[in-house]
């Protein structure tokens, strides 16, 4: 089955109605993220939905500094210390820039600065 995750998603009004039917009335038989995947792929006897994504992602999991075992309690993580906090694949992480955002600053920490800038 694997890890899917439903970190962030948006649906149209029509899509919300359809998901309410598929996951609330028709059949609720798996973890929510797996059922969302089934609707997107049209698998596991679900009718196929229209699912889109963007790359690079707009949202991702934040990984704070500290012991990696604190990431979550769903899956195992290496027994290691994380020196620098990060939000993978997000250039201007809100979590990493929260103080600057609160103070109204605009010189955000950039996880992927331009090479020639």
C-alpha atoms as a PDB file:
ATOM      1  CA  UNK A   1       0.000   0.000   0.000  1.00  0.00           C
ATOM      2  CA  UNK A   2       2.794   2.426   0.825  1.00  0.00           C
ATOM      3  CA  UNK A   3       2.789   5.925   2.189  1.00  0.00           C
ATOM      4  CA  UNK A   4       0.619   8.377   0.266  1.00  0.00           C
ATOM      5  CA  UNK A   5      -0.212  11.281   2.617  1.00  0.00           C
ATOM      6  CA  UNK A   6      -2.871  13.931   2.195  1.00  0.00           C
ATOM      7  CA  UNK A   7      -0.772  16.908   3.222  1.00  0.00           C
ATOM      8  CA  UNK A   8      -2.729  19.511   1.269  1.00  0.00           C
ATOM      9  CA  UNK A   9      -5.349  19.394  -1.423  1.00  0.00           C
ATOM     10  CA  UNK A  10      -8.150  21.492  -2.859  1.00  0.00           C
ATOM     11  CA  UNK A  11     -11.371  20.386  -4.474  1.00  0.00           C
ATOM     12  CA  UNK A  12     -14.095  22.019  -6.512  1.00  0.00           C
ATOM     13  CA  UNK A  13     -17.664  22.024  -5.222  1.00  0.00           C
ATOM     14  CA  UNK A  14     -18.463  19.200  -7.637  1.00  0.00           C
ATOM     15  CA  UNK A  15     -15.355  17.304  -6.522  1.00  0.00           C
ATOM     16  CA  UNK A  16     -16.307  17.767  -2.858  1.00  0.00           C
ATOM     17  CA  UNK A  17     -19.740  16.298  -3.526  1.00  0.00           C
ATOM     18  CA  UNK A  18     -18.199  13.359  -5.290  1.00  0.00           C
ATOM     19  CA  UNK A  19     -15.664  12.730  -2.517  1.00  0.00           C
ATOM     20  CA  UNK A  20     -18.422  12.924   0.098  1.00  0.00           C
ATOM     21  CA  UNK A  21     -20.286  10.232  -1.799  1.00  0.00           C
ATOM     22  CA  UNK A  22     -17.267   8.026  -2.545  1.00  0.00           C
ATOM     23  CA  UNK A  23     -15.666   8.213   0.898  1.00  0.00           C
ATOM     24  CA  UNK A  24     -18.702   8.794   3.103  1.00  0.00           C
ATOM     25  CA  UNK A  25     -21.629   6.943   1.550  1.00  0.00           C
ATOM     26  CA  UNK A  26     -20.304   4.477  -1.012  1.00  0.00           C
ATOM     27  CA  UNK A  27     -17.442   2.946   0.961  1.00  0.00           C
ATOM     28  CA  UNK A  28     -15.012   3.954   3.706  1.00  0.00           C
ATOM     29  CA  UNK A  29     -12.646   1.001   3.858  1.00  0.00           C
ATOM     30  CA  UNK A  30      -9.065   2.311   3.978  1.00  0.00           C
ATOM     31  CA  UNK A  31      -7.044   5.194   5.383  1.00  0.00           C
ATOM     32  CA  UNK A  32      -8.185   8.530   3.954  1.00  0.00           C
ATOM     33  CA  UNK A  33      -5.034   9.153   1.898  1.00  0.00           C
ATOM     34  CA  UNK A  34      -5.284   5.715   0.277  1.00  0.00           C
ATOM     35  CA  UNK A  35      -8.926   6.310  -0.663  1.00  0.00           C
ATOM     36  CA  UNK A  36      -8.007   9.687  -2.189  1.00  0.00           C
ATOM     37  CA  UNK A  37      -5.380   7.926  -4.276  1.00  0.00           C
ATOM     38  CA  UNK A  38      -7.946   5.321  -5.355  1.00  0.00           C
ATOM     39  CA  UNK A  39     -10.293   8.085  -6.559  1.00  0.00           C
ATOM     40  CA  UNK A  40      -7.470   9.859  -8.419  1.00  0.00           C
ATOM     41  CA  UNK A  41      -6.354   6.632 -10.106  1.00  0.00           C
ATOM     42  CA  UNK A  42      -9.793   5.056 -10.521  1.00  0.00           C
ATOM     43  CA  UNK A  43      -8.634   1.912  -8.706  1.00  0.00           C
ATOM     44  CA  UNK A  44     -10.121  -0.350  -6.016  1.00  0.00           C
ATOM     45  CA  UNK A  45     -13.592  -0.158  -7.613  1.00  0.00           C
ATOM     46  CA  UNK A  46     -13.716   3.644  -7.431  1.00  0.00           C
ATOM     47  CA  UNK A  47     -14.707   5.841 -10.346  1.00  0.00           C
ATOM     48  CA  UNK A  48     -11.789   7.942 -11.537  1.00  0.00           C
ATOM     49  CA  UNK A  49     -11.635  11.590 -10.541  1.00  0.00           C
ATOM     50  CA  UNK A  50      -9.778  14.484 -12.121  1.00  0.00           C
ATOM     51  CA  UNK A  51      -6.671  15.087  -9.998  1.00  0.00           C
ATOM     52  CA  UNK A  52      -3.978  17.662 -10.767  1.00  0.00           C
ATOM     53  CA  UNK A  53      -0.721  18.652  -9.137  1.00  0.00           C
ATOM     54  CA  UNK A  54       1.927  21.353  -9.407  1.00  0.00           C
ATOM     55  CA  UNK A  55       5.704  20.987  -9.456  1.00  0.00           C
ATOM     56  CA  UNK A  56       7.565  22.086  -7.482  1.00  0.00           C
ATOM     57  CA  UNK A  57       5.116  21.501  -4.620  1.00  0.00           C
ATOM     58  CA  UNK A  58       3.551  24.356  -2.667  1.00  0.00           C
ATOM     59  CA  UNK A  59       3.421  22.349   0.576  1.00  0.00           C
ATOM     60  CA  UNK A  60       5.701  19.768   2.149  1.00  0.00           C
ATOM     61  CA  UNK A  61       6.552  18.339   5.556  1.00  0.00           C
ATOM     62  CA  UNK A  62       8.742  20.499   7.768  1.00  0.00           C
ATOM     63  CA  UNK A  63      11.647  18.715   9.432  1.00  0.00           C
ATOM     64  CA  UNK A  64      12.747  20.547  12.600  1.00  0.00           C
ATOM     65  CA  UNK A  65      16.222  20.371  14.073  1.00  0.00           C
ATOM     66  CA  UNK A  66      16.540  17.673  16.711  1.00  0.00           C
ATOM     67  CA  UNK A  67      16.001  13.935  16.824  1.00  0.00           C
ATOM     68  CA  UNK A  68      14.522  12.529  13.599  1.00  0.00           C
ATOM     69  CA  UNK A  69      12.312  10.174  15.626  1.00  0.00           C
ATOM     70  CA  UNK A  70      10.032  13.155  16.330  1.00  0.00           C
ATOM     71  CA  UNK A  71       8.999  13.469  12.652  1.00  0.00           C
ATOM     72  CA  UNK A  72       5.959  11.233  13.115  1.00  0.00           C
ATOM     73  CA  UNK A  73       4.787   8.063  14.796  1.00  0.00           C
ATOM     74  CA  UNK A  74       3.537   6.359  11.622  1.00  0.00           C
ATOM     75  CA  UNK A  75       6.797   5.082  10.163  1.00  0.00           C
ATOM     76  CA  UNK A  76      10.320   4.431  11.360  1.00  0.00           C
ATOM     77  CA  UNK A  77      12.974   7.103  10.920  1.00  0.00           C
ATOM     78  CA  UNK A  78      16.747   6.779  11.242  1.00  0.00           C
ATOM     79  CA  UNK A  79      18.062   7.186  14.765  1.00  0.00           C
ATOM     80  CA  UNK A  80      19.911  10.425  14.061  1.00  0.00           C
ATOM     81  CA  UNK A  81      20.085  14.069  15.017  1.00  0.00           C
ATOM     82  CA  UNK A  82      19.067  16.673  12.456  1.00  0.00           C
ATOM     83  CA  UNK A  83      21.363  19.697  12.678  1.00  0.00           C
ATOM     84  CA  UNK A  84      19.498  22.167  10.441  1.00  0.00           C
ATOM     85  CA  UNK A  85      15.713  22.493  10.130  1.00  0.00           C
ATOM     86  CA  UNK A  86      14.345  22.176   6.585  1.00  0.00           C
ATOM     87  CA  UNK A  87      11.206  21.923   4.522  1.00  0.00           C
ATOM     88  CA  UNK A  88      12.135  19.709   1.575  1.00  0.00           C
ATOM     89  CA  UNK A  89      11.493  21.059  -1.937  1.00  0.00           C
ATOM     90  CA  UNK A  90      10.118  24.405  -0.678  1.00  0.00           C
ATOM     91  CA  UNK A  91      12.187  27.436  -1.582  1.00  0.00           C
ATOM     92  CA  UNK A  92      10.748  29.957   0.887  1.00  0.00           C
ATOM     93  CA  UNK A  93       9.514  27.868   3.802  1.00  0.00           C
ATOM     94  CA  UNK A  94       6.907  29.564   5.990  1.00  0.00           C
ATOM     95  CA  UNK A  95       8.081  27.524   8.984  1.00  0.00           C
ATOM     96  CA  UNK A  96      11.693  28.602   8.486  1.00  0.00           C
ATOM     97  CA  UNK A  97      10.682  32.229   7.938  1.00  0.00           C
ATOM     98  CA  UNK A  98       7.901  32.598  10.517  1.00  0.00           C
ATOM     99  CA  UNK A  99       9.640  35.288  12.583  1.00  0.00           C
ATOM    100  CA  UNK A 100      10.392  37.365   9.481  1.00  0.00           C
ATOM    101  CA  UNK A 101       6.787  36.972   8.304  1.00  0.00           C
ATOM    102  CA  UNK A 102       5.405  38.053  11.691  1.00  0.00           C
ATOM    103  CA  UNK A 103       7.710  41.076  11.793  1.00  0.00           C
ATOM    104  CA  UNK A 104       6.764  42.126   8.245  1.00  0.00           C
ATOM    105  CA  UNK A 105      10.255  41.567   6.889  1.00  0.00           C
ATOM    106  CA  UNK A 106      10.795  40.519   3.270  1.00  0.00           C
ATOM    107  CA  UNK A 107      14.379  39.224   3.275  1.00  0.00           C
ATOM    108  CA  UNK A 108      13.278  35.594   3.580  1.00  0.00           C
ATOM    109  CA  UNK A 109      15.674  32.703   4.056  1.00  0.00           C
ATOM    110  CA  UNK A 110      15.955  30.949   0.691  1.00  0.00           C
ATOM    111  CA  UNK A 111      16.631  27.200   0.775  1.00  0.00           C
ATOM    112  CA  UNK A 112      17.520  27.199  -2.942  1.00  0.00           C
ATOM    113  CA  UNK A 113      19.199  30.525  -3.746  1.00  0.00           C
ATOM    114  CA  UNK A 114      19.973  31.293  -7.374  1.00  0.00           C
ATOM    115  CA  UNK A 115      23.521  30.219  -8.205  1.00  0.00           C
ATOM    116  CA  UNK A 116      24.513  33.485  -9.939  1.00  0.00           C
ATOM    117  CA  UNK A 117      22.702  35.940  -7.689  1.00  0.00           C
END
